[in-house]
Amino acid sequence: MGATILTVEDLEAFKLELLASIKQLFIEHDRIQLKKQLRSSDLMKQLNISSGALQNLRINGTFPYSKVGGLIFYQAEDIQRIINENRIDEHQIS
């Protein structure tokens, strides 16, 4: 295999590509973080549950929600907190 010689221009191009990739990651992260309210369809997809199961979680008070017009919204951080609070570790099961 032959030797590859890197030039200053090659390193500069690599640096610019790397910075562009890092910038894109931050943009995608911010876009994901902005989605703090979830619609029912979003939540059903994320939790892989049916609309009936989600309705039961609303009715029994497990998942708090807001209703605006005909749309129902859930706070993503509320759902995550509830899931974490109800986590059962195998070591806790007797």
N, C-alpha and C. Protein backbone atom coordinates (compact mmCIF):
# COMPACT_ATOMS: atom_id res chain seq x y z
N MET A 1 0.86 -1.17 0.00
CA MET A 1 0.00 0.00 0.00
C MET A 1 0.90 1.23 0.00
N GLY A 2 0.55 2.19 -0.82
CA GLY A 2 1.36 3.39 -0.96
C GLY A 2 1.09 4.38 0.15
N ALA A 3 2.03 5.26 0.35
CA ALA A 3 1.89 6.31 1.36
C ALA A 3 0.98 7.42 0.84
N THR A 4 0.19 7.98 1.74
CA THR A 4 -0.68 9.09 1.40
C THR A 4 -0.13 10.34 2.06
N ILE A 5 0.02 11.36 1.26
CA ILE A 5 0.53 12.63 1.78
C ILE A 5 -0.64 13.58 1.96
N LEU A 6 -0.77 14.09 3.18
CA LEU A 6 -1.81 15.06 3.47
C LEU A 6 -1.24 16.46 3.39
N THR A 7 -2.00 17.31 2.77
CA THR A 7 -1.58 18.70 2.67
C THR A 7 -2.35 19.55 3.68
N VAL A 8 -1.91 20.75 3.85
CA VAL A 8 -2.61 21.69 4.72
C VAL A 8 -4.03 21.90 4.20
N GLU A 9 -4.19 21.94 2.90
CA GLU A 9 -5.53 22.12 2.31
C GLU A 9 -6.43 20.92 2.63
N ASP A 10 -5.86 19.71 2.60
CA ASP A 10 -6.64 18.52 2.96
C ASP A 10 -7.13 18.61 4.40
N LEU A 11 -6.24 19.01 5.29
CA LEU A 11 -6.62 19.14 6.69
C LEU A 11 -7.66 20.23 6.89
N GLU A 12 -7.52 21.33 6.16
CA GLU A 12 -8.49 22.42 6.25
C GLU A 12 -9.87 21.95 5.78
N ALA A 13 -9.89 21.20 4.67
CA ALA A 13 -11.15 20.68 4.15
C ALA A 13 -11.79 19.71 5.15
N PHE A 14 -10.97 18.85 5.75
CA PHE A 14 -11.47 17.92 6.76
C PHE A 14 -12.06 18.67 7.94
N LYS A 15 -11.37 19.70 8.39
CA LYS A 15 -11.85 20.50 9.52
C LYS A 15 -13.21 21.12 9.20
N LEU A 16 -13.36 21.67 8.00
CA LEU A 16 -14.63 22.30 7.62
C LEU A 16 -15.75 21.26 7.55
N GLU A 17 -15.46 20.09 7.03
CA GLU A 17 -16.47 19.01 6.97
C GLU A 17 -16.87 18.57 8.37
N LEU A 18 -15.88 18.43 9.24
CA LEU A 18 -16.16 18.01 10.61
C LEU A 18 -17.00 19.04 11.34
N LEU A 19 -16.65 20.31 11.20
CA LEU A 19 -17.43 21.37 11.84
C LEU A 19 -18.86 21.42 11.30
N ALA A 20 -19.02 21.22 10.00
CA ALA A 20 -20.36 21.21 9.41
C ALA A 20 -21.18 20.05 9.97
N SER A 21 -20.55 18.89 10.14
CA SER A 21 -21.25 17.73 10.70
C SER A 21 -21.66 17.98 12.15
N ILE A 22 -20.78 18.57 12.92
CA ILE A 22 -21.09 18.87 14.32
C ILE A 22 -22.22 19.89 14.41
N LYS A 23 -22.17 20.90 13.55
CA LYS A 23 -23.21 21.92 13.54
C LYS A 23 -24.56 21.29 13.21
N GLN A 24 -24.58 20.35 12.25
CA GLN A 24 -25.82 19.67 11.87
C GLN A 24 -26.37 18.87 13.04
N LEU A 25 -25.50 18.22 13.80
CA LEU A 25 -25.95 17.47 14.97
C LEU A 25 -26.62 18.38 15.99
N PHE A 26 -26.04 19.56 16.23
CA PHE A 26 -26.65 20.51 17.15
C PHE A 26 -28.00 20.99 16.64
N ILE A 27 -28.11 21.23 15.36
CA ILE A 27 -29.38 21.68 14.78
C ILE A 27 -30.45 20.60 14.96
N GLU A 28 -30.09 19.34 14.69
CA GLU A 28 -31.05 18.25 14.85
C GLU A 28 -31.43 18.07 16.31
N HIS A 29 -30.47 18.21 17.22
CA HIS A 29 -30.74 18.08 18.64
C HIS A 29 -31.72 19.16 19.10
N ASP A 30 -31.49 20.40 18.66
CA ASP A 30 -32.38 21.49 19.03
C ASP A 30 -33.78 21.27 18.47
N ARG A 31 -33.88 20.74 17.27
CA ARG A 31 -35.18 20.48 16.65
C ARG A 31 -35.94 19.43 17.46
N ILE A 32 -35.24 18.41 17.91
CA ILE A 32 -35.87 17.38 18.72
C ILE A 32 -36.29 17.95 20.07
N GLN A 33 -35.45 18.78 20.68
CA GLN A 33 -35.76 19.35 21.98
C GLN A 33 -36.97 20.28 21.92
N LEU A 34 -37.21 20.92 20.76
CA LEU A 34 -38.33 21.84 20.65
C LEU A 34 -39.67 21.13 20.73
N LYS A 35 -39.68 19.83 20.41
CA LYS A 35 -40.93 19.09 20.41
C LYS A 35 -41.24 18.65 21.84
N LYS A 36 -41.74 19.58 22.63
CA LYS A 36 -42.03 19.29 24.03
C LYS A 36 -43.48 18.87 24.23
N GLN A 37 -44.34 19.23 23.28
CA GLN A 37 -45.73 18.81 23.34
C GLN A 37 -45.94 17.71 22.30
N LEU A 38 -46.57 16.65 22.73
CA LEU A 38 -46.84 15.53 21.83
C LEU A 38 -48.33 15.42 21.59
N ARG A 39 -48.69 15.18 20.35
CA ARG A 39 -50.09 14.87 20.05
C ARG A 39 -50.33 13.40 20.33
N SER A 40 -51.58 13.01 20.38
CA SER A 40 -51.92 11.62 20.66
C SER A 40 -51.25 10.66 19.67
N SER A 41 -51.27 11.02 18.39
CA SER A 41 -50.69 10.13 17.38
C SER A 41 -49.18 9.97 17.59
N ASP A 42 -48.51 11.06 17.99
CA ASP A 42 -47.07 10.99 18.26
C ASP A 42 -46.80 10.04 19.44
N LEU A 43 -47.58 10.20 20.49
CA LEU A 43 -47.38 9.41 21.70
C LEU A 43 -47.69 7.94 21.45
N MET A 44 -48.73 7.66 20.68
CA MET A 44 -49.06 6.28 20.36
C MET A 44 -47.92 5.61 19.59
N LYS A 45 -47.32 6.34 18.66
CA LYS A 45 -46.19 5.79 17.91
C LYS A 45 -45.00 5.55 18.82
N GLN A 46 -44.67 6.53 19.67
CA GLN A 46 -43.49 6.41 20.53
C GLN A 46 -43.64 5.28 21.54
N LEU A 47 -44.82 5.10 22.09
CA LEU A 47 -45.04 4.07 23.10
C LEU A 47 -45.54 2.76 22.51
N ASN A 48 -45.84 2.77 21.21
CA ASN A 48 -46.34 1.59 20.52
C ASN A 48 -47.60 1.05 21.20
N ILE A 49 -48.57 1.96 21.42
CA ILE A 49 -49.83 1.59 22.05
C ILE A 49 -50.98 2.03 21.14
N SER A 50 -52.14 1.45 21.40
CA SER A 50 -53.33 1.77 20.61
C SER A 50 -53.99 3.04 21.14
N SER A 51 -54.92 3.56 20.35
CA SER A 51 -55.65 4.75 20.79
C SER A 51 -56.50 4.43 22.02
N GLY A 52 -57.02 3.21 22.10
CA GLY A 52 -57.80 2.81 23.27
C GLY A 52 -56.96 2.75 24.53
N ALA A 53 -55.73 2.24 24.40
CA ALA A 53 -54.83 2.18 25.56
C ALA A 53 -54.48 3.59 26.02
N LEU A 54 -54.24 4.46 25.07
CA LEU A 54 -53.92 5.85 25.43
C LEU A 54 -55.12 6.52 26.09
N GLN A 55 -56.30 6.26 25.58
CA GLN A 55 -57.51 6.83 26.17
C GLN A 55 -57.67 6.33 27.61
N ASN A 56 -57.41 5.06 27.85
CA ASN A 56 -57.50 4.52 29.22
C ASN A 56 -56.50 5.20 30.15
N LEU A 57 -55.30 5.48 29.65
CA LEU A 57 -54.29 6.17 30.47
C LEU A 57 -54.73 7.59 30.80
N ARG A 58 -55.48 8.22 29.89
CA ARG A 58 -56.03 9.55 30.18
C ARG A 58 -57.16 9.45 31.19
N ILE A 59 -58.08 8.53 30.96
CA ILE A 59 -59.27 8.40 31.81
C ILE A 59 -58.90 8.08 33.25
N ASN A 60 -57.93 7.14 33.44
CA ASN A 60 -57.59 6.77 34.81
C ASN A 60 -56.61 7.73 35.47
N GLY A 61 -56.26 8.81 34.75
CA GLY A 61 -55.44 9.86 35.32
C GLY A 61 -53.94 9.60 35.31
N THR A 62 -53.52 8.54 34.62
CA THR A 62 -52.09 8.23 34.56
C THR A 62 -51.34 9.28 33.78
N PHE A 63 -51.87 9.66 32.61
CA PHE A 63 -51.22 10.65 31.76
C PHE A 63 -52.00 11.96 31.79
N PRO A 64 -51.38 13.03 32.31
CA PRO A 64 -52.04 14.34 32.23
C PRO A 64 -52.02 14.85 30.79
N TYR A 65 -53.02 15.64 30.45
CA TYR A 65 -53.11 16.14 29.07
C TYR A 65 -53.81 17.48 29.05
N SER A 66 -53.68 18.13 27.90
CA SER A 66 -54.39 19.39 27.65
C SER A 66 -55.20 19.20 26.39
N LYS A 67 -56.37 19.79 26.39
CA LYS A 67 -57.22 19.70 25.20
C LYS A 67 -57.42 21.11 24.66
N VAL A 68 -57.04 21.30 23.42
CA VAL A 68 -57.19 22.58 22.74
C VAL A 68 -58.02 22.32 21.50
N GLY A 69 -59.24 22.86 21.52
CA GLY A 69 -60.14 22.53 20.42
C GLY A 69 -60.41 21.03 20.46
N GLY A 70 -60.17 20.37 19.35
CA GLY A 70 -60.35 18.92 19.30
C GLY A 70 -59.05 18.16 19.45
N LEU A 71 -57.95 18.87 19.70
CA LEU A 71 -56.64 18.21 19.78
C LEU A 71 -56.24 17.99 21.23
N ILE A 72 -55.61 16.85 21.48
CA ILE A 72 -55.12 16.52 22.81
C ILE A 72 -53.60 16.55 22.78
N PHE A 73 -53.00 17.23 23.76
CA PHE A 73 -51.56 17.35 23.84
C PHE A 73 -51.06 16.80 25.17
N TYR A 74 -49.87 16.24 25.12
CA TYR A 74 -49.20 15.71 26.31
C TYR A 74 -47.84 16.39 26.40
N GLN A 75 -47.41 16.68 27.62
CA GLN A 75 -46.08 17.23 27.82
C GLN A 75 -45.09 16.07 27.82
N ALA A 76 -44.10 16.13 26.93
CA ALA A 76 -43.13 15.04 26.80
C ALA A 76 -42.42 14.77 28.12
N GLU A 77 -42.08 15.82 28.86
CA GLU A 77 -41.36 15.62 30.12
C GLU A 77 -42.26 14.97 31.17
N ASP A 78 -43.57 15.24 31.14
CA ASP A 78 -44.50 14.57 32.06
C ASP A 78 -44.55 13.07 31.79
N ILE A 79 -44.64 12.72 30.51
CA ILE A 79 -44.73 11.31 30.13
C ILE A 79 -43.45 10.60 30.54
N GLN A 80 -42.29 11.21 30.27
CA GLN A 80 -41.02 10.59 30.62
C GLN A 80 -40.90 10.42 32.14
N ARG A 81 -41.34 11.42 32.88
CA ARG A 81 -41.28 11.34 34.34
C ARG A 81 -42.15 10.20 34.86
N ILE A 82 -43.35 10.07 34.31
CA ILE A 82 -44.28 9.02 34.74
C ILE A 82 -43.70 7.65 34.43
N ILE A 83 -43.12 7.51 33.26
CA ILE A 83 -42.51 6.23 32.90
C ILE A 83 -41.36 5.90 33.84
N ASN A 84 -40.53 6.90 34.14
CA ASN A 84 -39.40 6.67 35.05
C ASN A 84 -39.87 6.33 36.46
N GLU A 85 -40.91 7.03 36.93
CA GLU A 85 -41.42 6.78 38.28
C GLU A 85 -42.02 5.39 38.41
N ASN A 86 -42.55 4.84 37.34
CA ASN A 86 -43.19 3.53 37.38
C ASN A 86 -42.29 2.40 36.91
N ARG A 87 -41.02 2.69 36.77
CA ARG A 87 -40.06 1.68 36.32
C ARG A 87 -39.93 0.60 37.39
N ILE A 88 -39.93 -0.63 36.94
CA ILE A 88 -39.77 -1.78 37.83
C ILE A 88 -38.49 -2.50 37.43
N ASP A 89 -37.53 -2.54 38.35
CA ASP A 89 -36.30 -3.27 38.11
C ASP A 89 -36.52 -4.72 38.49
N GLU A 90 -35.86 -5.63 37.79
CA GLU A 90 -36.00 -7.06 38.09
C GLU A 90 -35.62 -7.36 39.52
N HIS A 91 -34.66 -6.62 40.09
CA HIS A 91 -34.21 -6.88 41.45
C HIS A 91 -35.26 -6.49 42.48
N GLN A 92 -36.21 -5.64 42.09
CA GLN A 92 -37.25 -5.21 43.02
C GLN A 92 -38.39 -6.20 43.09
N ILE A 93 -38.49 -7.07 42.08
CA ILE A 93 -39.59 -8.05 42.04
C ILE A 93 -39.25 -9.21 42.96
N SER A 94 -40.17 -9.53 43.86
CA SER A 94 -39.91 -10.65 44.79
C SER A 94 -40.88 -11.77 44.52
